């Protein structure tokens, strides 16, 4: 008389995760491209201001601060470009930006005009950043498909398996 309702265990719709991820990555790339354009425009304005500060009377302190600030902006721009190319944040470039930023603050304020505790804290900060810059050489590049957590998990499973085999033989 009537047909029984079919039991559909599949949902009414399925989310295509790959498509969602690609869409979100595209949106993220658009945001980073907008940041690049904005940063590049700001860099052009800073270059204009720097050249205007070179006109007499010359303020060496302001010119030095402008040059160092431009170097920071260039490094930030390079960080964004690396992110667009590889979809990762470069530890080395980020540390270099932090080092140049800290040194800029010390140079702009003047080492003799800075409180000794701030000089000591800046030295400690620069030392930690320098150590991080050296250590990153030995860190495995996880963006090339090396997942440290998987490697540790695999080692643990192999060790547990070999221990199980040893206990079964004894």
N, C-alpha and C. Protein backbone atom coordinates (compact mmCIF):
# COMPACT_ATOMS: atom_id res chain seq x y z
N UNK A 1 0.79 -1.18 0.00
CA UNK A 1 0.00 0.00 0.00
C UNK A 1 0.84 1.25 0.00
N UNK A 2 1.56 1.38 1.03
CA UNK A 2 2.46 2.53 1.02
C UNK A 2 3.87 2.04 1.25
N UNK A 3 4.80 2.78 0.72
CA UNK A 3 6.20 2.40 0.83
C UNK A 3 6.78 2.91 2.14
N UNK A 4 7.54 2.07 2.82
CA UNK A 4 8.15 2.57 4.06
C UNK A 4 9.19 3.65 3.75
N UNK A 5 9.31 4.56 4.65
CA UNK A 5 10.29 5.64 4.47
C UNK A 5 11.69 5.07 4.49
N UNK A 6 12.50 5.56 3.58
CA UNK A 6 13.87 5.07 3.51
C UNK A 6 14.69 5.66 4.64
N UNK A 7 15.55 4.85 5.20
CA UNK A 7 16.41 5.32 6.29
C UNK A 7 17.69 5.90 5.71
N UNK A 8 17.73 7.18 5.62
CA UNK A 8 18.94 7.85 5.12
C UNK A 8 19.80 8.25 6.31
N UNK A 9 20.97 7.66 6.40
CA UNK A 9 21.86 8.02 7.49
C UNK A 9 22.74 9.21 7.11
N UNK A 10 22.68 9.63 5.86
CA UNK A 10 23.47 10.79 5.44
C UNK A 10 22.66 12.05 5.71
N UNK A 11 23.32 13.11 6.08
CA UNK A 11 22.60 14.36 6.37
C UNK A 11 22.03 14.98 5.09
N UNK A 12 21.18 15.96 5.28
CA UNK A 12 20.55 16.63 4.15
C UNK A 12 21.60 17.31 3.26
N UNK A 13 22.62 17.79 3.83
CA UNK A 13 23.69 18.44 3.07
C UNK A 13 25.02 18.03 3.67
N UNK A 14 26.03 18.09 2.87
CA UNK A 14 27.37 17.78 3.34
C UNK A 14 28.26 18.99 3.10
N UNK A 15 29.09 19.26 4.04
CA UNK A 15 30.02 20.38 3.91
C UNK A 15 31.28 19.88 3.22
N UNK A 16 31.63 20.56 2.17
CA UNK A 16 32.86 20.24 1.46
C UNK A 16 34.00 20.97 2.17
N UNK A 17 34.68 20.27 3.05
CA UNK A 17 35.70 20.91 3.90
C UNK A 17 36.84 21.49 3.08
N UNK A 18 37.24 20.79 2.04
CA UNK A 18 38.34 21.30 1.22
C UNK A 18 37.99 22.63 0.60
N UNK A 19 36.75 22.76 0.13
CA UNK A 19 36.33 24.02 -0.49
C UNK A 19 36.25 25.13 0.54
N UNK A 20 35.75 24.82 1.74
CA UNK A 20 35.67 25.81 2.81
C UNK A 20 37.07 26.30 3.19
N UNK A 21 38.00 25.37 3.33
CA UNK A 21 39.37 25.74 3.70
C UNK A 21 40.00 26.61 2.61
N UNK A 22 39.81 26.23 1.34
CA UNK A 22 40.36 27.03 0.24
C UNK A 22 39.76 28.43 0.23
N UNK A 23 38.46 28.53 0.50
CA UNK A 23 37.80 29.83 0.53
C UNK A 23 38.35 30.69 1.67
N UNK A 24 38.50 30.09 2.84
CA UNK A 24 39.03 30.84 3.99
C UNK A 24 40.48 31.27 3.75
N UNK A 25 41.29 30.39 3.13
CA UNK A 25 42.66 30.77 2.81
C UNK A 25 42.70 31.89 1.78
N UNK A 26 41.78 31.88 0.82
CA UNK A 26 41.70 32.95 -0.17
C UNK A 26 41.37 34.28 0.51
N UNK A 27 40.39 34.25 1.43
CA UNK A 27 40.02 35.47 2.15
C UNK A 27 41.19 35.98 2.98
N UNK A 28 41.90 35.05 3.61
CA UNK A 28 43.08 35.43 4.40
C UNK A 28 44.15 36.04 3.50
N UNK A 29 44.36 35.48 2.32
CA UNK A 29 45.33 36.03 1.38
C UNK A 29 44.92 37.44 0.94
N UNK A 30 43.63 37.67 0.73
CA UNK A 30 43.16 38.99 0.35
C UNK A 30 43.45 39.99 1.47
N UNK A 31 43.24 39.58 2.71
CA UNK A 31 43.53 40.46 3.85
C UNK A 31 45.02 40.79 3.91
N UNK A 32 45.88 39.78 3.71
CA UNK A 32 47.32 40.01 3.74
C UNK A 32 47.75 40.90 2.58
N UNK A 33 47.14 40.73 1.41
CA UNK A 33 47.45 41.59 0.26
C UNK A 33 47.06 43.03 0.58
N UNK A 34 45.91 43.25 1.21
CA UNK A 34 45.50 44.60 1.62
C UNK A 34 46.50 45.19 2.61
N UNK A 35 46.98 44.35 3.55
CA UNK A 35 48.01 44.82 4.49
C UNK A 35 49.29 45.20 3.74
N UNK A 36 49.67 44.42 2.74
CA UNK A 36 50.87 44.73 1.95
C UNK A 36 50.72 46.07 1.23
N UNK A 37 49.57 46.28 0.61
CA UNK A 37 49.33 47.53 -0.12
C UNK A 37 49.36 48.71 0.85
N UNK A 38 48.69 48.56 2.00
CA UNK A 38 48.69 49.63 2.99
C UNK A 38 50.08 49.92 3.54
N UNK A 39 50.84 48.86 3.83
CA UNK A 39 52.19 49.04 4.35
C UNK A 39 53.10 49.67 3.31
N UNK A 40 52.95 49.26 2.05
CA UNK A 40 53.76 49.84 0.98
C UNK A 40 53.45 51.33 0.81
N UNK A 41 52.17 51.68 0.87
CA UNK A 41 51.78 53.10 0.78
C UNK A 41 52.36 53.90 1.93
N UNK A 42 52.29 53.33 3.13
CA UNK A 42 52.85 54.01 4.31
C UNK A 42 54.37 54.17 4.18
N UNK A 43 55.03 53.16 3.60
CA UNK A 43 56.48 53.25 3.39
C UNK A 43 56.81 54.39 2.43
N UNK A 44 56.01 54.56 1.38
CA UNK A 44 56.25 55.66 0.44
C UNK A 44 56.11 57.01 1.13
N UNK A 45 55.10 57.13 2.01
CA UNK A 45 54.93 58.38 2.75
C UNK A 45 56.12 58.63 3.68
N UNK A 46 56.63 57.57 4.31
CA UNK A 46 57.78 57.71 5.20
C UNK A 46 59.04 58.11 4.43
N UNK A 47 59.22 57.58 3.22
CA UNK A 47 60.38 57.95 2.40
C UNK A 47 60.30 59.43 2.04
N UNK A 48 59.11 59.90 1.69
CA UNK A 48 58.92 61.33 1.38
C UNK A 48 59.26 62.18 2.61
N UNK A 49 58.75 61.78 3.78
CA UNK A 49 59.04 62.54 5.00
C UNK A 49 60.53 62.52 5.32
N UNK A 50 61.19 61.38 5.06
CA UNK A 50 62.62 61.29 5.35
C UNK A 50 63.41 62.24 4.45
N UNK A 51 63.05 62.29 3.16
CA UNK A 51 63.75 63.21 2.26
C UNK A 51 63.48 64.66 2.61
N UNK A 52 62.28 64.95 3.11
CA UNK A 52 61.99 66.32 3.54
C UNK A 52 62.79 66.68 4.79
N UNK A 53 63.07 65.68 5.65
CA UNK A 53 63.85 65.96 6.86
C UNK A 53 65.34 66.14 6.54
N UNK A 54 65.75 65.77 5.33
CA UNK A 54 67.15 65.97 4.92
C UNK A 54 67.43 67.42 4.51
N UNK A 55 66.38 68.21 4.31
CA UNK A 55 66.56 69.62 3.95
C UNK A 55 67.07 70.39 5.16
N UNK A 56 67.85 71.45 4.92
CA UNK A 56 68.36 72.23 6.05
C UNK A 56 67.22 72.87 6.83
N UNK A 57 67.32 73.02 8.10
CA UNK A 57 68.40 72.57 9.00
C UNK A 57 68.30 71.06 9.21
N UNK A 58 69.43 70.40 9.09
CA UNK A 58 69.49 68.95 9.18
C UNK A 58 69.42 68.49 10.63
N UNK A 59 68.46 67.62 10.90
CA UNK A 59 68.31 67.04 12.23
C UNK A 59 68.74 65.58 12.12
N UNK A 60 70.00 65.31 12.49
CA UNK A 60 70.58 63.99 12.33
C UNK A 60 69.80 62.94 13.12
N UNK A 61 69.33 63.33 14.29
CA UNK A 61 68.58 62.41 15.16
C UNK A 61 67.29 61.95 14.46
N UNK A 62 66.57 62.88 13.85
CA UNK A 62 65.31 62.55 13.17
C UNK A 62 65.56 61.70 11.92
N UNK A 63 66.63 62.01 11.18
CA UNK A 63 66.95 61.24 9.98
C UNK A 63 67.30 59.80 10.34
N UNK A 64 68.09 59.63 11.39
CA UNK A 64 68.46 58.28 11.84
C UNK A 64 67.22 57.50 12.28
N UNK A 65 66.33 58.14 13.00
CA UNK A 65 65.09 57.48 13.44
C UNK A 65 64.23 57.10 12.24
N UNK A 66 64.16 57.99 11.24
CA UNK A 66 63.37 57.68 10.04
C UNK A 66 63.96 56.51 9.26
N UNK A 67 65.27 56.46 9.13
CA UNK A 67 65.92 55.37 8.40
C UNK A 67 65.67 54.04 9.10
N UNK A 68 65.84 54.02 10.41
CA UNK A 68 65.61 52.78 11.16
C UNK A 68 64.14 52.36 11.10
N UNK A 69 63.25 53.33 11.15
CA UNK A 69 61.82 53.01 11.05
C UNK A 69 61.50 52.42 9.67
N UNK A 70 62.13 52.96 8.61
CA UNK A 70 61.94 52.41 7.27
C UNK A 70 62.46 50.98 7.18
N UNK A 71 63.58 50.71 7.83
CA UNK A 71 64.10 49.34 7.84
C UNK A 71 63.12 48.38 8.51
N UNK A 72 62.50 48.83 9.59
CA UNK A 72 61.49 48.01 10.27
C UNK A 72 60.31 47.74 9.33
N UNK A 73 59.87 48.78 8.63
CA UNK A 73 58.74 48.61 7.71
C UNK A 73 59.09 47.67 6.56
N UNK A 74 60.33 47.75 6.06
CA UNK A 74 60.77 46.85 4.99
C UNK A 74 60.77 45.41 5.47
N UNK A 75 61.24 45.18 6.69
CA UNK A 75 61.25 43.82 7.24
C UNK A 75 59.83 43.30 7.46
N UNK A 76 58.93 44.16 7.91
CA UNK A 76 57.53 43.75 8.07
C UNK A 76 56.91 43.41 6.72
N UNK A 77 57.25 44.19 5.69
CA UNK A 77 56.76 43.92 4.35
C UNK A 77 57.29 42.56 3.86
N UNK A 78 58.57 42.30 4.13
CA UNK A 78 59.16 41.02 3.75
C UNK A 78 58.47 39.87 4.48
N UNK A 79 58.12 40.08 5.75
CA UNK A 79 57.40 39.07 6.53
C UNK A 79 56.04 38.75 5.90
N UNK A 80 55.33 39.78 5.44
CA UNK A 80 54.04 39.57 4.78
C UNK A 80 54.21 38.85 3.44
N UNK A 81 55.25 39.17 2.70
CA UNK A 81 55.49 38.51 1.41
C UNK A 81 55.79 37.03 1.63
N UNK A 82 56.62 36.73 2.63
CA UNK A 82 56.91 35.33 2.94
C UNK A 82 55.64 34.61 3.34
N UNK A 83 54.77 35.28 4.09
CA UNK A 83 53.50 34.66 4.48
C UNK A 83 52.64 34.36 3.25
N UNK A 84 52.60 35.29 2.30
CA UNK A 84 51.82 35.06 1.09
C UNK A 84 52.38 33.89 0.28
N UNK A 85 53.70 33.77 0.22
CA UNK A 85 54.31 32.72 -0.58
C UNK A 85 54.19 31.35 0.07
N UNK A 86 54.43 31.28 1.37
CA UNK A 86 54.57 29.99 2.03
C UNK A 86 53.48 29.69 3.07
N UNK A 87 52.60 30.64 3.32
CA UNK A 87 51.53 30.51 4.32
C UNK A 87 52.11 30.13 5.69
N UNK A 88 53.16 30.80 6.08
CA UNK A 88 53.75 30.63 7.40
C UNK A 88 54.43 31.94 7.77
N UNK A 89 54.63 32.12 9.06
CA UNK A 89 55.35 33.29 9.55
C UNK A 89 56.80 32.88 9.76
N UNK A 90 57.71 33.62 9.17
CA UNK A 90 59.13 33.31 9.29
C UNK A 90 59.64 33.77 10.66
N UNK A 91 60.13 32.81 11.44
CA UNK A 91 60.65 33.14 12.77
C UNK A 91 61.85 34.07 12.65
N UNK A 92 62.72 33.78 11.70
CA UNK A 92 63.92 34.59 11.53
C UNK A 92 63.61 36.04 11.23
N UNK A 93 62.70 36.28 10.30
CA UNK A 93 62.35 37.66 9.94
C UNK A 93 61.64 38.35 11.10
N UNK A 94 60.77 37.64 11.80
CA UNK A 94 60.07 38.23 12.94
C UNK A 94 61.05 38.63 14.03
N UNK A 95 62.05 37.78 14.29
CA UNK A 95 63.07 38.10 15.30
C UNK A 95 63.91 39.28 14.84
N UNK A 96 64.25 39.32 13.55
CA UNK A 96 65.03 40.46 13.03
C UNK A 96 64.26 41.76 13.18
N UNK A 97 62.95 41.75 12.94
CA UNK A 97 62.13 42.94 13.11
C UNK A 97 62.16 43.39 14.57
N UNK A 98 62.05 42.44 15.49
CA UNK A 98 62.07 42.78 16.92
C UNK A 98 63.42 43.36 17.32
N UNK A 99 64.51 42.79 16.80
CA UNK A 99 65.85 43.29 17.13
C UNK A 99 66.03 44.72 16.62
N UNK A 100 65.67 44.96 15.36
CA UNK A 100 65.82 46.31 14.79
C UNK A 100 64.92 47.29 15.53
N UNK A 101 63.72 46.87 15.92
CA UNK A 101 62.81 47.76 16.66
C UNK A 101 63.39 48.15 18.02
N UNK A 102 63.94 47.16 18.73
CA UNK A 102 64.53 47.45 20.04
C UNK A 102 65.74 48.37 19.89
N UNK A 103 66.58 48.09 18.91
CA UNK A 103 67.75 48.95 18.69
C UNK A 103 67.35 50.36 18.27
N UNK A 104 66.29 50.48 17.50
CA UNK A 104 65.81 51.80 17.09
C UNK A 104 65.41 52.62 18.31
N UNK A 105 64.68 51.98 19.22
CA UNK A 105 64.24 52.70 20.42
C UNK A 105 65.43 53.18 21.25
N UNK A 106 66.45 52.34 21.37
CA UNK A 106 67.64 52.73 22.13
C UNK A 106 68.37 53.87 21.43
N UNK A 107 68.49 53.78 20.10
CA UNK A 107 69.20 54.81 19.35
C UNK A 107 68.43 56.13 19.36
N UNK A 108 67.11 56.05 19.18
CA UNK A 108 66.30 57.27 19.13
C UNK A 108 66.29 57.98 20.48
N UNK A 109 66.11 57.22 21.57
CA UNK A 109 66.10 57.84 22.90
C UNK A 109 67.49 58.28 23.32
N UNK A 110 68.48 57.54 22.90
CA UNK A 110 69.84 57.81 23.34
C UNK A 110 70.17 56.97 24.54
N UNK A 111 71.30 56.29 24.47
CA UNK A 111 71.67 55.36 25.54
C UNK A 111 71.95 56.09 26.85
N UNK A 112 72.46 57.32 26.77
CA UNK A 112 72.79 58.07 27.97
C UNK A 112 71.55 58.66 28.64
N UNK A 113 70.48 58.83 27.88
CA UNK A 113 69.26 59.41 28.42
C UNK A 113 68.28 58.35 28.91
N UNK A 114 68.62 57.09 28.73
CA UNK A 114 67.73 55.99 29.09
C UNK A 114 68.06 55.50 30.50
N UNK A 115 67.04 55.15 31.23
CA UNK A 115 67.20 54.62 32.58
C UNK A 115 67.99 53.32 32.52
N UNK A 116 68.83 53.04 33.52
CA UNK A 116 69.69 51.86 33.48
C UNK A 116 68.89 50.57 33.52
N UNK A 117 67.70 50.60 34.17
CA UNK A 117 66.89 49.39 34.19
C UNK A 117 66.33 49.07 32.81
N UNK A 118 65.98 50.12 32.07
CA UNK A 118 65.49 49.91 30.70
C UNK A 118 66.61 49.41 29.80
N UNK A 119 67.82 49.91 30.00
CA UNK A 119 68.97 49.43 29.21
C UNK A 119 69.24 47.97 29.53
N UNK A 120 69.16 47.61 30.80
CA UNK A 120 69.39 46.22 31.21
C UNK A 120 68.29 45.30 30.64
N UNK A 121 67.05 45.75 30.69
CA UNK A 121 65.94 44.96 30.15
C UNK A 121 66.07 44.81 28.63
N UNK A 122 66.49 45.88 27.96
CA UNK A 122 66.69 45.81 26.51
C UNK A 122 67.82 44.86 26.17
N UNK A 123 68.89 44.90 26.94
CA UNK A 123 70.00 43.97 26.71
C UNK A 123 69.55 42.52 26.89
N UNK A 124 68.77 42.25 27.92
CA UNK A 124 68.27 40.89 28.14
C UNK A 124 67.35 40.47 27.00
N UNK A 125 66.50 41.39 26.56
CA UNK A 125 65.59 41.11 25.45
C UNK A 125 66.37 40.80 24.17
N UNK A 126 67.39 41.61 23.89
CA UNK A 126 68.21 41.38 22.70
C UNK A 126 68.99 40.08 22.81
N UNK A 127 69.43 39.73 24.00
CA UNK A 127 70.15 38.47 24.19
C UNK A 127 69.24 37.28 23.91
N UNK A 128 68.00 37.34 24.42
CA UNK A 128 67.04 36.26 24.18
C UNK A 128 66.72 36.16 22.68
N UNK A 129 66.53 37.30 22.03
CA UNK A 129 66.25 37.28 20.60
C UNK A 129 67.43 36.73 19.80
N UNK A 130 68.64 37.09 20.21
CA UNK A 130 69.83 36.55 19.55
C UNK A 130 69.93 35.04 19.70
N UNK A 131 69.64 34.55 20.91
CA UNK A 131 69.65 33.10 21.14
C UNK A 131 68.59 32.41 20.29
N UNK A 132 67.40 33.03 20.22
CA UNK A 132 66.33 32.47 19.39
C UNK A 132 66.73 32.45 17.91
N UNK A 133 67.42 33.48 17.47
CA UNK A 133 67.89 33.54 16.09
C UNK A 133 68.90 32.43 15.80
N UNK A 134 69.74 32.14 16.77
CA UNK A 134 70.72 31.06 16.61
C UNK A 134 70.03 29.70 16.69
N UNK A 135 69.08 29.54 17.63
CA UNK A 135 68.40 28.25 17.81
C UNK A 135 67.52 27.85 16.63
N UNK A 136 67.00 28.84 15.93
CA UNK A 136 66.10 28.51 14.82
C UNK A 136 66.80 27.75 13.71
N UNK A 137 68.13 27.81 13.67
CA UNK A 137 68.89 27.07 12.68
C UNK A 137 68.74 25.57 12.92
N UNK A 138 68.66 25.17 14.19
CA UNK A 138 68.58 23.76 14.53
C UNK A 138 67.14 23.24 14.62
N UNK A 139 66.17 24.14 14.61
CA UNK A 139 64.78 23.70 14.68
C UNK A 139 64.36 23.13 13.34
N UNK A 140 63.60 22.02 13.35
CA UNK A 140 63.17 21.45 12.06
C UNK A 140 62.15 22.34 11.39
N UNK A 141 62.23 22.48 10.08
CA UNK A 141 61.25 23.30 9.37
C UNK A 141 59.92 22.56 9.25
N UNK A 142 58.98 22.88 10.12
CA UNK A 142 57.71 22.14 10.17
C UNK A 142 56.87 22.39 8.93
N UNK A 143 57.14 23.46 8.17
CA UNK A 143 56.31 23.75 7.01
C UNK A 143 56.62 22.83 5.84
N UNK A 144 57.68 22.02 5.92
CA UNK A 144 58.02 21.11 4.83
C UNK A 144 57.45 19.71 5.07
N UNK A 145 56.42 19.60 5.88
CA UNK A 145 55.78 18.32 6.09
C UNK A 145 56.33 17.54 7.27
N UNK A 146 57.25 18.13 8.01
CA UNK A 146 57.79 17.46 9.19
C UNK A 146 56.96 17.91 10.37
N UNK A 147 56.27 16.98 10.98
CA UNK A 147 55.44 17.29 12.14
C UNK A 147 56.11 16.67 13.36
N UNK A 148 56.71 17.49 14.23
CA UNK A 148 57.41 16.94 15.39
C UNK A 148 56.51 16.08 16.27
N UNK A 149 55.24 16.43 16.40
CA UNK A 149 54.34 15.65 17.25
C UNK A 149 54.12 14.26 16.66
N UNK A 150 54.01 14.17 15.34
CA UNK A 150 53.85 12.86 14.71
C UNK A 150 55.10 12.02 14.89
N UNK A 151 56.27 12.66 14.78
CA UNK A 151 57.52 11.92 14.94
C UNK A 151 57.63 11.36 16.36
N UNK A 152 57.28 12.15 17.36
CA UNK A 152 57.34 11.69 18.75
C UNK A 152 56.33 10.57 18.97
N UNK A 153 55.12 10.75 18.43
CA UNK A 153 54.09 9.73 18.58
C UNK A 153 54.51 8.42 17.91
N UNK A 154 55.12 8.50 16.74
CA UNK A 154 55.57 7.31 16.03
C UNK A 154 56.67 6.60 16.82
N UNK A 155 57.60 7.38 17.37
CA UNK A 155 58.67 6.80 18.19
C UNK A 155 58.09 6.08 19.41
N UNK A 156 57.11 6.71 20.06
CA UNK A 156 56.49 6.12 21.24
C UNK A 156 55.78 4.81 20.89
N UNK A 157 55.06 4.80 19.77
CA UNK A 157 54.36 3.59 19.36
C UNK A 157 55.34 2.47 19.02
N UNK A 158 56.44 2.82 18.34
CA UNK A 158 57.45 1.80 18.01
C UNK A 158 58.09 1.24 19.27
N UNK A 159 58.37 2.10 20.25
CA UNK A 159 58.97 1.65 21.49
C UNK A 159 58.01 0.75 22.26
N UNK A 160 56.74 1.14 22.30
CA UNK A 160 55.74 0.32 23.00
C UNK A 160 55.58 -1.03 22.31
N UNK A 161 55.62 -1.03 20.98
CA UNK A 161 55.49 -2.28 20.23
C UNK A 161 56.68 -3.19 20.48
N UNK A 162 57.89 -2.62 20.50
CA UNK A 162 59.09 -3.45 20.74
C UNK A 162 59.10 -3.98 22.17
N UNK A 163 58.63 -3.20 23.15
CA UNK A 163 58.55 -3.68 24.53
C UNK A 163 57.53 -4.80 24.65
N UNK A 164 56.43 -4.70 23.93
CA UNK A 164 55.41 -5.74 23.95
C UNK A 164 55.94 -7.04 23.36
N UNK A 165 56.70 -6.90 22.27
CA UNK A 165 57.29 -8.09 21.66
C UNK A 165 58.30 -8.74 22.59
N UNK A 166 59.11 -7.94 23.28
CA UNK A 166 60.10 -8.48 24.23
C UNK A 166 59.42 -9.20 25.38
N UNK A 167 58.34 -8.63 25.90
CA UNK A 167 57.66 -9.28 27.04
C UNK A 167 56.97 -10.57 26.61
N UNK A 168 56.53 -10.64 25.35
CA UNK A 168 55.90 -11.87 24.87
C UNK A 168 56.91 -12.99 24.67
N UNK A 169 58.14 -12.66 24.32
CA UNK A 169 59.17 -13.67 24.10
C UNK A 169 59.72 -14.22 25.42
N UNK A 170 59.59 -13.50 26.49
CA UNK A 170 60.14 -13.96 27.78
C UNK A 170 59.16 -14.70 28.58
